Amino acid sequence: MSNSVSLQPIAEDVYAAPQLTPETMASAAEAGFKAVLNNRPDFEGGPEQPTSAAIEAAAQAAGLAYAYLPVQGGYQSPEEIARCAELLKTLPRPLLMFCRSGARSTKLYMQATALDE
């Protein structure tokens, strides 16, 4: 991945990143990622934010699996956490999760993996 994208490891084969763009999907694939999980609602950052559909198309063109689970920054519902747990079991690894800053994806991952404990 490009040096401009800050990746935070949150597990052995799961990383969190700030907002990604369609243009970064090829770099993610080249870096060895197999899947991308988008946790940022469309247009949360305004009309200039890339849509999930645009990112998904680029991810698929780069050979990446893609999932969209938009969640709010301050609260993730039990249903959203359970859905994330399901996705974590089915998406290929290494997995790249992203939101605005990476913090929401990290929190969601921690809550989802705690369901199995």
C-alpha atoms as a PDB file:
ATOM      1  CA  MET A   1       0.000   0.000   0.000  1.00  0.00           C
ATOM      2  CA  SER A   2       1.069   3.521  -0.535  1.00  0.00           C
ATOM      3  CA  ASN A   3       2.900   5.326   2.220  1.00  0.00           C
ATOM      4  CA  SER A   4       0.018   7.799   2.390  1.00  0.00           C
ATOM      5  CA  VAL A   5      -2.355   5.149   3.790  1.00  0.00           C
ATOM      6  CA  SER A   6      -1.915   4.533   7.505  1.00  0.00           C
ATOM      7  CA  LEU A   7      -2.604   0.876   8.344  1.00  0.00           C
ATOM      8  CA  GLN A   8      -3.143  -0.175  11.946  1.00  0.00           C
ATOM      9  CA  PRO A   9      -2.845  -3.889  12.720  1.00  0.00           C
ATOM     10  CA  ILE A  10      -5.746  -4.997  14.938  1.00  0.00           C
ATOM     11  CA  ALA A  11      -5.169  -8.750  14.655  1.00  0.00           C
ATOM     12  CA  GLU A  12      -2.668 -11.045  12.977  1.00  0.00           C
ATOM     13  CA  ASP A  13      -4.485 -10.844   9.644  1.00  0.00           C
ATOM     14  CA  VAL A  14      -6.820  -7.850  10.084  1.00  0.00           C
ATOM     15  CA  TYR A  15      -5.904  -4.196   9.617  1.00  0.00           C
ATOM     16  CA  ALA A  16      -7.813  -0.945  10.045  1.00  0.00           C
ATOM     17  CA  ALA A  17      -7.367   2.104   7.844  1.00  0.00           C
ATOM     18  CA  PRO A  18      -8.829   5.564   7.436  1.00  0.00           C
ATOM     19  CA  GLN A  19     -11.085   6.346   4.446  1.00  0.00           C
ATOM     20  CA  LEU A  20     -10.001   4.427   1.362  1.00  0.00           C
ATOM     21  CA  THR A  21     -10.808   5.349  -2.220  1.00  0.00           C
ATOM     22  CA  PRO A  22     -11.455   3.379  -5.387  1.00  0.00           C
ATOM     23  CA  GLU A  23      -7.886   4.225  -6.403  1.00  0.00           C
ATOM     24  CA  THR A  24      -6.425   2.472  -3.341  1.00  0.00           C
ATOM     25  CA  MET A  25      -8.095  -0.886  -4.054  1.00  0.00           C
ATOM     26  CA  ALA A  26      -5.432  -2.025  -6.525  1.00  0.00           C
ATOM     27  CA  SER A  27      -2.741  -1.094  -3.989  1.00  0.00           C
ATOM     28  CA  ALA A  28      -4.551  -3.092  -1.303  1.00  0.00           C
ATOM     29  CA  ALA A  29      -4.599  -6.149  -3.565  1.00  0.00           C
ATOM     30  CA  GLU A  30      -0.922  -5.664  -4.434  1.00  0.00           C
ATOM     31  CA  ALA A  31      -0.146  -5.475  -0.703  1.00  0.00           C
ATOM     32  CA  GLY A  32      -1.664  -8.940  -0.285  1.00  0.00           C
ATOM     33  CA  PHE A  33      -5.100  -8.140   1.100  1.00  0.00           C
ATOM     34  CA  LYS A  34      -7.877 -10.505   0.036  1.00  0.00           C
ATOM     35  CA  ALA A  35     -10.907  -8.551   1.288  1.00  0.00           C
ATOM     36  CA  VAL A  36     -12.090  -5.071   2.244  1.00  0.00           C
ATOM     37  CA  LEU A  37     -14.802  -4.231   4.794  1.00  0.00           C
ATOM     38  CA  ASN A  38     -16.205  -0.690   4.546  1.00  0.00           C
ATOM     39  CA  ASN A  39     -17.704   0.569   7.833  1.00  0.00           C
ATOM     40  CA  ARG A  40     -18.308   4.176   6.797  1.00  0.00           C
ATOM     41  CA  PRO A  41     -21.818   5.290   5.778  1.00  0.00           C
ATOM     42  CA  ASP A  42     -22.031   6.860   2.323  1.00  0.00           C
ATOM     43  CA  PHE A  43     -21.813  10.664   2.334  1.00  0.00           C
ATOM     44  CA  GLU A  44     -20.939  10.839   6.030  1.00  0.00           C
ATOM     45  CA  GLY A  45     -18.093  13.143   5.039  1.00  0.00           C
ATOM     46  CA  GLY A  46     -20.066  15.006   2.397  1.00  0.00           C
ATOM     47  CA  PRO A  47     -20.551  14.614  -1.343  1.00  0.00           C
ATOM     48  CA  GLU A  48     -16.808  14.314  -2.053  1.00  0.00           C
ATOM     49  CA  GLN A  49     -16.565  11.054  -0.087  1.00  0.00           C
ATOM     50  CA  PRO A  50     -16.384   8.061  -2.457  1.00  0.00           C
ATOM     51  CA  THR A  51     -19.484   5.865  -2.357  1.00  0.00           C
ATOM     52  CA  SER A  52     -19.504   2.247  -1.334  1.00  0.00           C
ATOM     53  CA  ALA A  53     -20.610   1.294  -4.860  1.00  0.00           C
ATOM     54  CA  ALA A  54     -17.563   2.999  -6.414  1.00  0.00           C
ATOM     55  CA  ILE A  55     -15.186   1.391  -3.928  1.00  0.00           C
ATOM     56  CA  GLU A  56     -16.841  -2.003  -4.369  1.00  0.00           C
ATOM     57  CA  ALA A  57     -16.456  -1.858  -8.163  1.00  0.00           C
ATOM     58  CA  ALA A  58     -12.772  -1.003  -7.833  1.00  0.00           C
ATOM     59  CA  ALA A  59     -12.250  -3.700  -5.179  1.00  0.00           C
ATOM     60  CA  GLN A  60     -13.843  -6.354  -7.367  1.00  0.00           C
ATOM     61  CA  ALA A  61     -11.814  -5.191 -10.380  1.00  0.00           C
ATOM     62  CA  ALA A  62      -8.689  -5.657  -8.232  1.00  0.00           C
ATOM     63  CA  GLY A  63      -9.784  -9.176  -7.253  1.00  0.00           C
ATOM     64  CA  LEU A  64     -10.782  -8.301  -3.692  1.00  0.00           C
ATOM     65  CA  ALA A  65     -13.828  -9.538  -1.816  1.00  0.00           C
ATOM     66  CA  TYR A  66     -15.863  -6.568  -0.579  1.00  0.00           C
ATOM     67  CA  ALA A  67     -18.448  -6.061   2.148  1.00  0.00           C
ATOM     68  CA  TYR A  68     -20.312  -2.950   3.246  1.00  0.00           C
ATOM     69  CA  LEU A  69     -21.384  -2.647   6.869  1.00  0.00           C
ATOM     70  CA  PRO A  70     -21.952   1.051   7.565  1.00  0.00           C
ATOM     71  CA  VAL A  71     -22.035   1.923  11.267  1.00  0.00           C
ATOM     72  CA  GLN A  72     -22.151   5.165  13.222  1.00  0.00           C
ATOM     73  CA  GLY A  73     -19.030   6.353  14.989  1.00  0.00           C
ATOM     74  CA  GLY A  74     -20.457   6.601  18.479  1.00  0.00           C
ATOM     75  CA  TYR A  75     -22.651   3.508  18.628  1.00  0.00           C
ATOM     76  CA  GLN A  76     -22.786   0.090  17.019  1.00  0.00           C
ATOM     77  CA  SER A  77     -25.991  -1.871  17.575  1.00  0.00           C
ATOM     78  CA  PRO A  78     -25.982  -5.500  18.706  1.00  0.00           C
ATOM     79  CA  GLU A  79     -27.239  -6.401  15.216  1.00  0.00           C
ATOM     80  CA  GLU A  80     -24.349  -4.547  13.544  1.00  0.00           C
ATOM     81  CA  ILE A  81     -21.837  -6.202  15.866  1.00  0.00           C
ATOM     82  CA  ALA A  82     -23.335  -9.638  15.134  1.00  0.00           C
ATOM     83  CA  ARG A  83     -23.236  -8.953  11.383  1.00  0.00           C
ATOM     84  CA  CYS A  84     -19.575  -7.944  11.660  1.00  0.00           C
ATOM     85  CA  ALA A  85     -18.854 -11.202  13.506  1.00  0.00           C
ATOM     86  CA  GLU A  86     -20.464 -13.111  10.622  1.00  0.00           C
ATOM     87  CA  LEU A  87     -18.419 -11.200   8.059  1.00  0.00           C
ATOM     88  CA  LEU A  88     -15.220 -11.808  10.012  1.00  0.00           C
ATOM     89  CA  LYS A  89     -15.887 -15.547   9.765  1.00  0.00           C
ATOM     90  CA  THR A  90     -16.567 -15.509   6.017  1.00  0.00           C
ATOM     91  CA  LEU A  91     -14.362 -12.839   4.430  1.00  0.00           C
ATOM     92  CA  PRO A  92     -10.960 -14.055   3.218  1.00  0.00           C
ATOM     93  CA  ARG A  93      -7.851 -12.875   5.033  1.00  0.00           C
ATOM     94  CA  PRO A  94      -5.847 -10.752   5.232  1.00  0.00           C
ATOM     95  CA  LEU A  95      -8.726  -8.335   5.709  1.00  0.00           C
ATOM     96  CA  LEU A  96      -8.624  -4.542   5.500  1.00  0.00           C
ATOM     97  CA  MET A  97     -11.373  -2.724   7.417  1.00  0.00           C
ATOM     98  CA  PHE A  98     -11.893   1.012   7.067  1.00  0.00           C
ATOM     99  CA  CYS A  99     -13.973   3.976   8.213  1.00  0.00           C
ATOM    100  CA  ARG A 100     -13.208   7.693   8.595  1.00  0.00           C
ATOM    101  CA  SER A 101     -10.150   7.264  10.826  1.00  0.00           C
ATOM    102  CA  GLY A 102      -9.877   3.519  11.462  1.00  0.00           C
ATOM    103  CA  ALA A 103     -11.038   3.809  15.086  1.00  0.00           C
ATOM    104  CA  ARG A 104     -14.643   2.777  14.412  1.00  0.00           C
ATOM    105  CA  SER A 105     -13.524  -0.301  12.469  1.00  0.00           C
ATOM    106  CA  THR A 106     -11.143  -1.233  15.282  1.00  0.00           C
ATOM    107  CA  LYS A 107     -13.884  -0.868  17.896  1.00  0.00           C
ATOM    108  CA  LEU A 108     -16.325  -2.859  15.771  1.00  0.00           C
ATOM    109  CA  TYR A 109     -13.760  -5.648  15.296  1.00  0.00           C
ATOM    110  CA  MET A 110     -13.103  -5.833  19.048  1.00  0.00           C
ATOM    111  CA  GLN A 111     -16.828  -5.997  19.847  1.00  0.00           C
ATOM    112  CA  ALA A 112     -17.480  -8.616  17.162  1.00  0.00           C
ATOM    113  CA  THR A 113     -14.637 -10.891  18.263  1.00  0.00           C
ATOM    114  CA  ALA A 114     -15.740 -10.572  21.900  1.00  0.00           C
ATOM    115  CA  LEU A 115     -19.009 -12.311  20.950  1.00  0.00           C
ATOM    116  CA  ASP A 116     -17.059 -15.551  20.514  1.00  0.00           C
ATOM    117  CA  GLU A 117     -15.439 -15.353  23.932  1.00  0.00           C
END
